PDB file of N, CA and C in Angstrom:
ATOM      1  N   MET A   1      -5.594  -7.279  -2.567  1.00  0.00           N
ATOM      2  CA  MET A   1      -6.593  -6.839  -1.634  1.00  0.00           C
ATOM      3  C   MET A   1      -6.396  -5.342  -1.400  1.00  0.00           C
ATOM      4  N   GLN A   2      -7.465  -4.567  -1.513  1.00  0.00           N
ATOM      5  CA  GLN A   2      -7.386  -3.133  -1.280  1.00  0.00           C
ATOM      6  C   GLN A   2      -8.042  -2.796   0.054  1.00  0.00           C
ATOM      7  N   PHE A   3      -7.492  -1.766   0.683  1.00  0.00           N
ATOM      8  CA  PHE A   3      -7.934  -1.403   2.019  1.00  0.00           C
ATOM      9  C   PHE A   3      -7.694   0.083   2.181  1.00  0.00           C
ATOM     10  N   SER A   4      -8.619   0.799   2.748  1.00  0.00           N
ATOM     11  CA  SER A   4      -8.446   2.237   2.960  1.00  0.00           C
ATOM     12  C   SER A   4      -8.426   2.553   4.443  1.00  0.00           C
ATOM     13  N   ALA A   5      -7.436   3.312   4.858  1.00  0.00           N
ATOM     14  CA  ALA A   5      -7.331   3.700   6.265  1.00  0.00           C
ATOM     15  C   ALA A   5      -8.477   4.620   6.668  1.00  0.00           C
ATOM     16  N   ILE A   6      -9.094   5.266   5.703  1.00  0.00           N
ATOM     17  CA  ILE A   6     -10.199   6.177   5.997  1.00  0.00           C
ATOM     18  C   ILE A   6     -11.474   5.396   6.302  1.00  0.00           C
ATOM     19  N   MET A   7     -11.704   4.309   5.560  1.00  0.00           N
ATOM     20  CA  MET A   7     -12.975   3.596   5.660  1.00  0.00           C
ATOM     21  C   MET A   7     -12.953   2.364   6.556  1.00  0.00           C
ATOM     22  N   HIS A   8     -11.773   1.911   6.962  1.00  0.00           N
ATOM     23  CA  HIS A   8     -11.691   0.669   7.728  1.00  0.00           C
ATOM     24  C   HIS A   8     -11.012   0.876   9.075  1.00  0.00           C
ATOM     25  N   ALA A   9     -11.415   0.079  10.024  1.00  0.00           N
ATOM     26  CA  ALA A   9     -10.850   0.140  11.376  1.00  0.00           C
ATOM     27  C   ALA A   9      -9.822  -0.968  11.558  1.00  0.00           C
ATOM     28  N   THR A  10      -9.129  -0.935  12.678  1.00  0.00           N
ATOM     29  CA  THR A  10      -8.113  -1.956  12.937  1.00  0.00           C
ATOM     30  C   THR A  10      -8.724  -3.345  13.087  1.00  0.00           C
ATOM     31  N   ALA A  11      -9.978  -3.442  13.513  1.00  0.00           N
ATOM     32  CA  ALA A  11     -10.629  -4.753  13.596  1.00  0.00           C
ATOM     33  C   ALA A  11     -10.731  -5.376  12.201  1.00  0.00           C
ATOM     34  N   ASP A  12     -11.018  -4.536  11.202  1.00  0.00           N
ATOM     35  CA  ASP A  12     -11.065  -5.018   9.823  1.00  0.00           C
ATOM     36  C   ASP A  12      -9.681  -5.467   9.375  1.00  0.00           C
ATOM     37  N   LEU A  13      -8.686  -4.740   9.811  1.00  0.00           N
ATOM     38  CA  LEU A  13      -7.308  -5.059   9.448  1.00  0.00           C
ATOM     39  C   LEU A  13      -6.893  -6.411  10.028  1.00  0.00           C
ATOM     40  N   ARG A  14      -7.304  -6.680  11.245  1.00  0.00           N
ATOM     41  CA  ARG A  14      -6.993  -7.977  11.866  1.00  0.00           C
ATOM     42  C   ARG A  14      -7.611  -9.131  11.065  1.00  0.00           C
ATOM     43  N   LYS A  15      -8.833  -8.925  10.552  1.00  0.00           N
ATOM     44  CA  LYS A  15      -9.485  -9.949   9.735  1.00  0.00           C
ATOM     45  C   LYS A  15      -8.695 -10.183   8.444  1.00  0.00           C
ATOM     46  N   VAL A  16      -8.180  -9.109   7.873  1.00  0.00           N
ATOM     47  CA  VAL A  16      -7.370  -9.224   6.657  1.00  0.00           C
ATOM     48  C   VAL A  16      -6.119 -10.047   6.950  1.00  0.00           C
ATOM     49  N   PHE A  17      -5.477  -9.775   8.086  1.00  0.00           N
ATOM     50  CA  PHE A  17      -4.263 -10.519   8.446  1.00  0.00           C
ATOM     51  C   PHE A  17      -4.565 -11.993   8.713  1.00  0.00           C
ATOM     52  N   GLU A  18      -5.708 -12.278   9.342  1.00  0.00           N
ATOM     53  CA  GLU A  18      -6.097 -13.664   9.579  1.00  0.00           C
ATOM     54  C   GLU A  18      -6.280 -14.409   8.252  1.00  0.00           C
ATOM     55  N   ALA A  19      -6.962 -13.758   7.304  1.00  0.00           N
ATOM     56  CA  ALA A  19      -7.167 -14.376   5.987  1.00  0.00           C
ATOM     57  C   ALA A  19      -5.835 -14.557   5.264  1.00  0.00           C
ATOM     58  N   ALA A  20      -4.941 -13.585   5.418  1.00  0.00           N
ATOM     59  CA  ALA A  20      -3.632 -13.674   4.778  1.00  0.00           C
ATOM     60  C   ALA A  20      -2.809 -14.827   5.363  1.00  0.00           C
ATOM     61  N   GLU A  21      -2.938 -15.054   6.658  1.00  0.00           N
ATOM     62  CA  GLU A  21      -2.230 -16.184   7.282  1.00  0.00           C
ATOM     63  C   GLU A  21      -2.743 -17.521   6.755  1.00  0.00           C
ATOM     64  N   ILE A  22      -4.041 -17.624   6.555  1.00  0.00           N
ATOM     65  CA  ILE A  22      -4.622 -18.844   5.992  1.00  0.00           C
ATOM     66  C   ILE A  22      -4.113 -19.047   4.567  1.00  0.00           C
ATOM     67  N   ASP A  23      -4.091 -17.958   3.791  1.00  0.00           N
ATOM     68  CA  ASP A  23      -3.580 -18.040   2.421  1.00  0.00           C
ATOM     69  C   ASP A  23      -2.108 -18.437   2.398  1.00  0.00           C
ATOM     70  N   LYS A  24      -1.336 -17.881   3.324  1.00  0.00           N
ATOM     71  CA  LYS A  24       0.090 -18.212   3.370  1.00  0.00           C
ATOM     72  C   LYS A  24       0.292 -19.698   3.658  1.00  0.00           C
ATOM     73  N   ALA A  25      -0.517 -20.246   4.562  1.00  0.00           N
ATOM     74  CA  ALA A  25      -0.422 -21.672   4.886  1.00  0.00           C
ATOM     75  C   ALA A  25      -0.775 -22.543   3.680  1.00  0.00           C
ATOM     76  N   ALA A  26      -1.599 -21.989   2.783  1.00  0.00           N
ATOM     77  CA  ALA A  26      -1.992 -22.707   1.569  1.00  0.00           C
ATOM     78  C   ALA A  26      -1.031 -22.439   0.411  1.00  0.00           C
ATOM     79  N   GLY A  27       0.041 -21.702   0.702  1.00  0.00           N
ATOM     80  CA  GLY A  27       1.040 -21.425  -0.330  1.00  0.00           C
ATOM     81  C   GLY A  27       0.738 -20.211  -1.193  1.00  0.00           C
ATOM     82  N   LYS A  28      -0.205 -19.383  -0.780  1.00  0.00           N
ATOM     83  CA  LYS A  28      -0.561 -18.182  -1.545  1.00  0.00           C
ATOM     84  C   LYS A  28       0.031 -16.955  -0.870  1.00  0.00           C
ATOM     85  N   ARG A  29       0.293 -15.921  -1.659  1.00  0.00           N
ATOM     86  CA  ARG A  29       0.806 -14.658  -1.114  1.00  0.00           C
ATOM     87  C   ARG A  29      -0.302 -13.608  -1.160  1.00  0.00           C
ATOM     88  N   THR A  30      -0.293 -12.700  -0.227  1.00  0.00           N
ATOM     89  CA  THR A  30      -1.269 -11.613  -0.181  1.00  0.00           C
ATOM     90  C   THR A  30      -0.555 -10.295  -0.398  1.00  0.00           C
ATOM     91  N   ILE A  31      -1.021  -9.563  -1.393  1.00  0.00           N
ATOM     92  CA  ILE A  31      -0.531  -8.200  -1.615  1.00  0.00           C
ATOM     93  C   ILE A  31      -1.603  -7.282  -1.060  1.00  0.00           C
ATOM     94  N   LEU A  32      -1.221  -6.476  -0.105  1.00  0.00           N
ATOM     95  CA  LEU A  32      -2.165  -5.600   0.588  1.00  0.00           C
ATOM     96  C   LEU A  32      -1.862  -4.159   0.219  1.00  0.00           C
ATOM     97  N   LEU A  33      -2.812  -3.510  -0.453  1.00  0.00           N
ATOM     98  CA  LEU A  33      -2.673  -2.104  -0.820  1.00  0.00           C
ATOM     99  C   LEU A  33      -3.476  -1.272   0.159  1.00  0.00           C
ATOM    100  N   ILE A  34      -2.785  -0.413   0.897  1.00  0.00           N
ATOM    101  CA  ILE A  34      -3.432   0.465   1.872  1.00  0.00           C
ATOM    102  C   ILE A  34      -3.394   1.890   1.345  1.00  0.00           C
ATOM    103  N   ASP A  35      -4.560   2.431   1.040  1.00  0.00           N
ATOM    104  CA  ASP A  35      -4.657   3.822   0.611  1.00  0.00           C
ATOM    105  C   ASP A  35      -4.717   4.709   1.846  1.00  0.00           C
ATOM    106  N   GLU A  36      -4.033   5.820   1.790  1.00  0.00           N
ATOM    107  CA  GLU A  36      -4.004   6.777   2.908  1.00  0.00           C
ATOM    108  C   GLU A  36      -3.440   6.136   4.174  1.00  0.00           C
ATOM    109  N   ILE A  37      -2.375   5.378   4.028  1.00  0.00           N
ATOM    110  CA  ILE A  37      -1.786   4.648   5.162  1.00  0.00           C
ATOM    111  C   ILE A  37      -1.384   5.585   6.297  1.00  0.00           C
ATOM    112  N   HIS A  38      -1.077   6.826   5.972  1.00  0.00           N
ATOM    113  CA  HIS A  38      -0.656   7.779   7.007  1.00  0.00           C
ATOM    114  C   HIS A  38      -1.781   8.103   7.990  1.00  0.00           C
ATOM    115  N   ARG A  39      -3.009   7.758   7.651  1.00  0.00           N
ATOM    116  CA  ARG A  39      -4.126   8.041   8.552  1.00  0.00           C
ATOM    117  C   ARG A  39      -4.195   7.073   9.729  1.00  0.00           C
ATOM    118  N   PHE A  40      -3.519   5.926   9.618  1.00  0.00           N
ATOM    119  CA  PHE A  40      -3.395   5.042  10.770  1.00  0.00           C
ATOM    120  C   PHE A  40      -2.391   5.676  11.730  1.00  0.00           C
ATOM    121  N   ASN A  41      -2.712   5.684  13.021  1.00  0.00           N
ATOM    122  CA  ASN A  41      -1.744   6.229  13.977  1.00  0.00           C
ATOM    123  C   ASN A  41      -0.596   5.233  14.137  1.00  0.00           C
ATOM    124  N   ARG A  42       0.415   5.634  14.846  1.00  0.00           N
ATOM    125  CA  ARG A  42       1.630   4.807  14.948  1.00  0.00           C
ATOM    126  C   ARG A  42       1.362   3.450  15.607  1.00  0.00           C
ATOM    127  N   ALA A  43       0.493   3.429  16.595  1.00  0.00           N
ATOM    128  CA  ALA A  43       0.156   2.154  17.247  1.00  0.00           C
ATOM    129  C   ALA A  43      -0.572   1.231  16.269  1.00  0.00           C
ATOM    130  N   GLN A  44      -1.466   1.797  15.470  1.00  0.00           N
ATOM    131  CA  GLN A  44      -2.173   0.999  14.478  1.00  0.00           C
ATOM    132  C   GLN A  44      -1.208   0.479  13.410  1.00  0.00           C
ATOM    133  N   GLN A  45      -0.236   1.312  13.040  1.00  0.00           N
ATOM    134  CA  GLN A  45       0.759   0.894  12.057  1.00  0.00           C
ATOM    135  C   GLN A  45       1.606  -0.261  12.584  1.00  0.00           C
ATOM    136  N   ASP A  46       1.769  -0.326  13.898  1.00  0.00           N
ATOM    137  CA  ASP A  46       2.521  -1.430  14.503  1.00  0.00           C
ATOM    138  C   ASP A  46       1.875  -2.789  14.215  1.00  0.00           C
ATOM    139  N   LEU A  47       0.569  -2.811  13.974  1.00  0.00           N
ATOM    140  CA  LEU A  47      -0.121  -4.064  13.663  1.00  0.00           C
ATOM    141  C   LEU A  47       0.462  -4.731  12.415  1.00  0.00           C
ATOM    142  N   PHE A  48       0.987  -3.947  11.498  1.00  0.00           N
ATOM    143  CA  PHE A  48       1.520  -4.480  10.246  1.00  0.00           C
ATOM    144  C   PHE A  48       2.838  -5.230  10.441  1.00  0.00           C
ATOM    145  N   LEU A  49       3.613  -4.824  11.438  1.00  0.00           N
ATOM    146  CA  LEU A  49       4.992  -5.306  11.567  1.00  0.00           C
ATOM    147  C   LEU A  49       5.175  -6.817  11.495  1.00  0.00           C
ATOM    148  N   PRO A  50       4.520  -7.607  12.329  1.00  0.00           N
ATOM    149  CA  PRO A  50       4.800  -9.051  12.273  1.00  0.00           C
ATOM    150  C   PRO A  50       4.422  -9.679  10.934  1.00  0.00           C
ATOM    151  N   TYR A  51       3.396  -9.152  10.301  1.00  0.00           N
ATOM    152  CA  TYR A  51       2.928  -9.729   9.039  1.00  0.00           C
ATOM    153  C   TYR A  51       3.819  -9.337   7.865  1.00  0.00           C
ATOM    154  N   VAL A  52       4.386  -8.146   7.933  1.00  0.00           N
ATOM    155  CA  VAL A  52       5.348  -7.720   6.917  1.00  0.00           C
ATOM    156  C   VAL A  52       6.662  -8.469   7.126  1.00  0.00           C
ATOM    157  N   GLU A  53       7.092  -8.570   8.375  1.00  0.00           N
ATOM    158  CA  GLU A  53       8.362  -9.232   8.694  1.00  0.00           C
ATOM    159  C   GLU A  53       8.375 -10.705   8.286  1.00  0.00           C
ATOM    160  N   ASN A  54       7.275 -11.420   8.527  1.00  0.00           N
ATOM    161  CA  ASN A  54       7.290 -12.859   8.229  1.00  0.00           C
ATOM    162  C   ASN A  54       6.777 -13.192   6.832  1.00  0.00           C
ATOM    163  N   GLY A  55       6.480 -12.155   6.049  1.00  0.00           N
ATOM    164  CA  GLY A  55       6.090 -12.377   4.662  1.00  0.00           C
ATOM    165  C   GLY A  55       4.647 -12.786   4.455  1.00  0.00           C
ATOM    166  N   THR A  56       3.823 -12.639   5.487  1.00  0.00           N
ATOM    167  CA  THR A  56       2.405 -12.964   5.333  1.00  0.00           C
ATOM    168  C   THR A  56       1.757 -12.022   4.329  1.00  0.00           C
ATOM    169  N   VAL A  57       2.141 -10.760   4.372  1.00  0.00           N
ATOM    170  CA  VAL A  57       1.628  -9.781   3.409  1.00  0.00           C
ATOM    171  C   VAL A  57       2.784  -9.035   2.754  1.00  0.00           C
ATOM    172  N   ILE A  58       2.551  -8.676   1.512  1.00  0.00           N
ATOM    173  CA  ILE A  58       3.408  -7.723   0.819  1.00  0.00           C
ATOM    174  C   ILE A  58       2.642  -6.411   0.901  1.00  0.00           C
ATOM    175  N   LEU A  59       3.191  -5.445   1.594  1.00  0.00           N
ATOM    176  CA  LEU A  59       2.494  -4.201   1.864  1.00  0.00           C
ATOM    177  C   LEU A  59       2.837  -3.137   0.833  1.00  0.00           C
ATOM    178  N   ILE A  60       1.802  -2.553   0.262  1.00  0.00           N
ATOM    179  CA  ILE A  60       1.952  -1.375  -0.584  1.00  0.00           C
ATOM    180  C   ILE A  60       1.106  -0.293   0.071  1.00  0.00           C
ATOM    181  N   GLY A  61       1.754   0.745   0.532  1.00  0.00           N
ATOM    182  CA  GLY A  61       1.046   1.836   1.192  1.00  0.00           C
ATOM    183  C   GLY A  61       1.109   3.091   0.352  1.00  0.00           C
ATOM    184  N   ALA A  62      -0.032   3.711   0.142  1.00  0.00           N
ATOM    185  CA  ALA A  62      -0.088   4.952  -0.620  1.00  0.00           C
ATOM    186  C   ALA A  62      -0.367   6.104   0.340  1.00  0.00           C
ATOM    187  N   THR A  63       0.365   7.181   0.147  1.00  0.00           N
ATOM    188  CA  THR A  63       0.168   8.355   0.994  1.00  0.00           C
ATOM    189  C   THR A  63       0.497   9.617   0.223  1.00  0.00           C
ATOM    190  N   THR A  64      -0.192  10.684   0.573  1.00  0.00           N
ATOM    191  CA  THR A  64       0.107  11.992  -0.009  1.00  0.00           C
ATOM    192  C   THR A  64       1.044  12.770   0.904  1.00  0.00           C
ATOM    193  N   GLU A  65       1.372  12.183   2.031  1.00  0.00           N
ATOM    194  CA  GLU A  65       2.244  12.831   3.005  1.00  0.00           C
ATOM    195  C   GLU A  65       3.662  12.293   2.879  1.00  0.00           C
ATOM    196  N   ASN A  66       4.598  12.955   3.533  1.00  0.00           N
ATOM    197  CA  ASN A  66       5.987  12.505   3.547  1.00  0.00           C
ATOM    198  C   ASN A  66       6.074  11.281   4.458  1.00  0.00           C
ATOM    199  N   PRO A  67       6.402  10.118   3.911  1.00  0.00           N
ATOM    200  CA  PRO A  67       6.430   8.905   4.734  1.00  0.00           C
ATOM    201  C   PRO A  67       7.420   8.988   5.894  1.00  0.00           C
ATOM    202  N   SER A  68       8.482   9.752   5.742  1.00  0.00           N
ATOM    203  CA  SER A  68       9.475   9.865   6.813  1.00  0.00           C
ATOM    204  C   SER A  68       8.888  10.460   8.081  1.00  0.00           C
ATOM    205  N   PHE A  69       7.837  11.245   7.923  1.00  0.00           N
ATOM    206  CA  PHE A  69       7.220  11.889   9.081  1.00  0.00           C
ATOM    207  C   PHE A  69       5.926  11.208   9.523  1.00  0.00           C
ATOM    208  N   GLU A  70       5.256  10.540   8.613  1.00  0.00           N
ATOM    209  CA  GLU A  70       3.920  10.030   8.911  1.00  0.00           C
ATOM    210  C   GLU A  70       3.848   8.519   9.116  1.00  0.00           C
ATOM    211  N   ILE A  71       4.890   7.803   8.715  1.00  0.00           N
ATOM    212  CA  ILE A  71       4.876   6.345   8.852  1.00  0.00           C
ATOM    213  C   ILE A  71       5.812   5.944   9.980  1.00  0.00           C
ATOM    214  N   ASN A  72       5.347   5.039  10.796  1.00  0.00           N
ATOM    215  CA  ASN A  72       6.098   4.501  11.923  1.00  0.00           C
ATOM    216  C   ASN A  72       7.498   4.079  11.453  1.00  0.00           C
ATOM    217  N   GLY A  73       8.530   4.499  12.158  1.00  0.00           N
ATOM    218  CA  GLY A  73       9.907   4.214  11.776  1.00  0.00           C
ATOM    219  C   GLY A  73      10.209   2.736  11.630  1.00  0.00           C
ATOM    220  N   ALA A  74       9.650   1.912  12.512  1.00  0.00           N
ATOM    221  CA  ALA A  74       9.882   0.467  12.437  1.00  0.00           C
ATOM    222  C   ALA A  74       9.286  -0.103  11.149  1.00  0.00           C
ATOM    223  N   LEU A  75       8.099   0.350  10.790  1.00  0.00           N
ATOM    224  CA  LEU A  75       7.458  -0.123   9.565  1.00  0.00           C
ATOM    225  C   LEU A  75       8.196   0.417   8.343  1.00  0.00           C
ATOM    226  N   LEU A  76       8.564   1.672   8.397  1.00  0.00           N
ATOM    227  CA  LEU A  76       9.269   2.305   7.280  1.00  0.00           C
ATOM    228  C   LEU A  76      10.595   1.622   6.986  1.00  0.00           C
ATOM    229  N   SER A  77      11.263   1.153   8.039  1.00  0.00           N
ATOM    230  CA  SER A  77      12.561   0.505   7.847  1.00  0.00           C
ATOM    231  C   SER A  77      12.438  -0.851   7.147  1.00  0.00           C
ATOM    232  N   ARG A  78      11.244  -1.391   7.096  1.00  0.00           N
ATOM    233  CA  ARG A  78      11.025  -2.689   6.453  1.00  0.00           C
ATOM    234  C   ARG A  78      10.407  -2.544   5.067  1.00  0.00           C
ATOM    235  N   CYS A  79      10.297  -1.291   4.616  1.00  0.00           N
ATOM    236  CA  CYS A  79       9.654  -1.009   3.330  1.00  0.00           C
ATOM    237  C   CYS A  79      10.604  -0.267   2.398  1.00  0.00           C
ATOM    238  N   LYS A  80      10.275  -0.310   1.136  1.00  0.00           N
ATOM    239  CA  LYS A  80      10.995   0.473   0.138  1.00  0.00           C
ATOM    240  C   LYS A  80      10.079   1.618  -0.272  1.00  0.00           C
ATOM    241  N   VAL A  81      10.576   2.846  -0.168  1.00  0.00           N
ATOM    242  CA  VAL A  81       9.785   4.018  -0.523  1.00  0.00           C
ATOM    243  C   VAL A  81      10.045   4.342  -1.985  1.00  0.00           C
ATOM    244  N   ILE A  82       8.969   4.436  -2.746  1.00  0.00           N
ATOM    245  CA  ILE A  82       9.064   4.795  -4.160  1.00  0.00           C
ATOM    246  C   ILE A  82       8.317   6.108  -4.344  1.00  0.00           C
ATOM    247  N   VAL A  83       9.013   7.103  -4.873  1.00  0.00           N
ATOM    248  CA  VAL A  83       8.405   8.407  -5.118  1.00  0.00           C
ATOM    249  C   VAL A  83       8.159   8.541  -6.620  1.00  0.00           C
ATOM    250  N   PRO A  84       6.893   8.540  -7.026  1.00  0.00           N
ATOM    251  CA  PRO A  84       6.622   8.668  -8.464  1.00  0.00           C
ATOM    252  C   PRO A  84       6.942  10.082  -8.939  1.00  0.00           C
ATOM    253  N   LYS A  85       7.387  10.171 -10.155  1.00  0.00           N
ATOM    254  CA  LYS A  85       7.701  11.469 -10.741  1.00  0.00           C
ATOM    255  C   LYS A  85       6.456  12.007 -11.441  1.00  0.00           C
ATOM    256  N   ALA A  86       6.301  13.304 -11.396  1.00  0.00           N
ATOM    257  CA  ALA A  86       5.154  13.941 -12.041  1.00  0.00           C
ATOM    258  C   ALA A  86       5.305  13.880 -13.560  1.00  0.00           C
ATOM    259  N   PHE A  87       4.181  13.730 -14.251  1.00  0.00           N
ATOM    260  CA  PHE A  87       4.196  13.773 -15.697  1.00  0.00           C
ATOM    261  C   PHE A  87       4.364  15.212 -16.156  1.00  0.00           C
ATOM    262  N   GLY A  88       5.156  15.399 -17.173  1.00  0.00           N
ATOM    263  CA  GLY A  88       5.279  16.710 -17.794  1.00  0.00           C
ATOM    264  C   GLY A  88       4.225  16.858 -18.869  1.00  0.00           C
ATOM    265  N   LYS A  89       4.069  18.053 -19.381  1.00  0.00           N
ATOM    266  CA  LYS A  89       3.069  18.322 -20.410  1.00  0.00           C
ATOM    267  C   LYS A  89       3.294  17.429 -21.627  1.00  0.00           C
ATOM    268  N   GLN A  90       4.535  17.232 -22.019  1.00  0.00           N
ATOM    269  CA  GLN A  90       4.843  16.415 -23.186  1.00  0.00           C
ATOM    270  C   GLN A  90       4.396  14.966 -22.992  1.00  0.00           C
ATOM    271  N   ASN A  91       4.573  14.432 -21.770  1.00  0.00           N
ATOM    272  CA  ASN A  91       4.135  13.062 -21.490  1.00  0.00           C
ATOM    273  C   ASN A  91       2.626  12.917 -21.623  1.00  0.00           C
ATOM    274  N   ILE A  92       1.902  13.891 -21.098  1.00  0.00           N
ATOM    275  CA  ILE A  92       0.446  13.833 -21.117  1.00  0.00           C
ATOM    276  C   ILE A  92      -0.075  13.943 -22.542  1.00  0.00           C
ATOM    277  N   VAL A  93       0.456  14.892 -23.302  1.00  0.00           N
ATOM    278  CA  VAL A  93       0.031  15.079 -24.688  1.00  0.00           C
ATOM    279  C   VAL A  93       0.384  13.842 -25.517  1.00  0.00           C
ATOM    280  N   GLY A  94       1.594  13.314 -25.342  1.00  0.00           N
ATOM    281  CA  GLY A  94       2.017  12.126 -26.081  1.00  0.00           C
ATOM    282  C   GLY A  94       1.155  10.918 -25.771  1.00  0.00           C
ATOM    283  N   ASN A  95       0.824  10.716 -24.498  1.00  0.00           N
ATOM    284  CA  ASN A  95      -0.005   9.573 -24.102  1.00  0.00           C
ATOM    285  C   ASN A  95      -1.425   9.710 -24.630  1.00  0.00           C
ATOM    286  N   ALA A  96      -1.961  10.926 -24.623  1.00  0.00           N
ATOM    287  CA  ALA A  96      -3.315  11.144 -25.130  1.00  0.00           C
ATOM    288  C   ALA A  96      -3.367  10.822 -26.622  1.00  0.00           C
ATOM    289  N   GLY A  97      -2.346  11.223 -27.363  1.00  0.00           N
ATOM    290  CA  GLY A  97      -2.299  10.936 -28.798  1.00  0.00           C
ATOM    291  C   GLY A  97      -2.212   9.445 -29.063  1.00  0.00           C
ATOM    292  N   ALA A  98      -1.430   8.742 -28.280  1.00  0.00           N
ATOM    293  CA  ALA A  98      -1.293   7.296 -28.452  1.00  0.00           C
ATOM    294  C   ALA A  98      -2.617   6.595 -28.162  1.00  0.00           C
ATOM    295  N   ARG A  99      -3.330   7.031 -27.168  1.00  0.00           N
ATOM    296  CA  ARG A  99      -4.622   6.419 -26.830  1.00  0.00           C
ATOM    297  C   ARG A  99      -5.640   6.648 -27.933  1.00  0.00           C
ATOM    298  N   ARG A 100      -5.614   7.846 -28.514  1.00  0.00           N
ATOM    299  CA  ARG A 100      -6.546   8.150 -29.592  1.00  0.00           C
ATOM    300  C   ARG A 100      -6.325   7.197 -30.769  1.00  0.00           C
ATOM    301  N   ARG A 101      -5.061   6.919 -31.079  1.00  0.00           N
ATOM    302  CA  ARG A 101      -4.755   6.009 -32.185  1.00  0.00           C
ATOM    303  C   ARG A 101      -5.210   4.587 -31.864  1.00  0.00           C
ATOM    304  N   ILE A 102      -5.093   4.177 -30.624  1.00  0.00           N
ATOM    305  CA  ILE A 102      -5.470   2.813 -30.229  1.00  0.00           C
ATOM    306  C   ILE A 102      -6.983   2.614 -30.317  1.00  0.00           C
ATOM    307  N   TYR A 103      -7.757   3.596 -29.885  1.00  0.00           N
ATOM    308  CA  TYR A 103      -9.201   3.428 -29.769  1.00  0.00           C
ATOM    309  C   TYR A 103      -9.974   3.854 -31.019  1.00  0.00           C
ATOM    310  N   ARG A 104      -9.301   4.203 -32.090  1.00  0.00           N
ATOM    311  CA  ARG A 104     -10.023   4.568 -33.321  1.00  0.00           C
ATOM    312  C   ARG A 104     -10.449   3.363 -34.067  1.00  0.00           C
TER     313      ARG A 104
END
């Protein structure tokens, strides 16, 4: 399930959590991808805590900001921060060449 902090309000988020609870009761897991998670204020980020803690949702939050400063400490302590490495010129050129060979 994808969700954007820019386009959705906390009321929408509550509906997502309700659906995730129903899925959990049926034995299904919900992976929730939040784009621009840093745009939720700290109180809004608190909404995630019980659902992350009890495993109702697996949270993946994307942000262009430093999570240590923009994500609620309680939520951050329950998450694993992964910092992707930038591609170098060689990676980009190599990948483009491989794609060309695949699509010919």
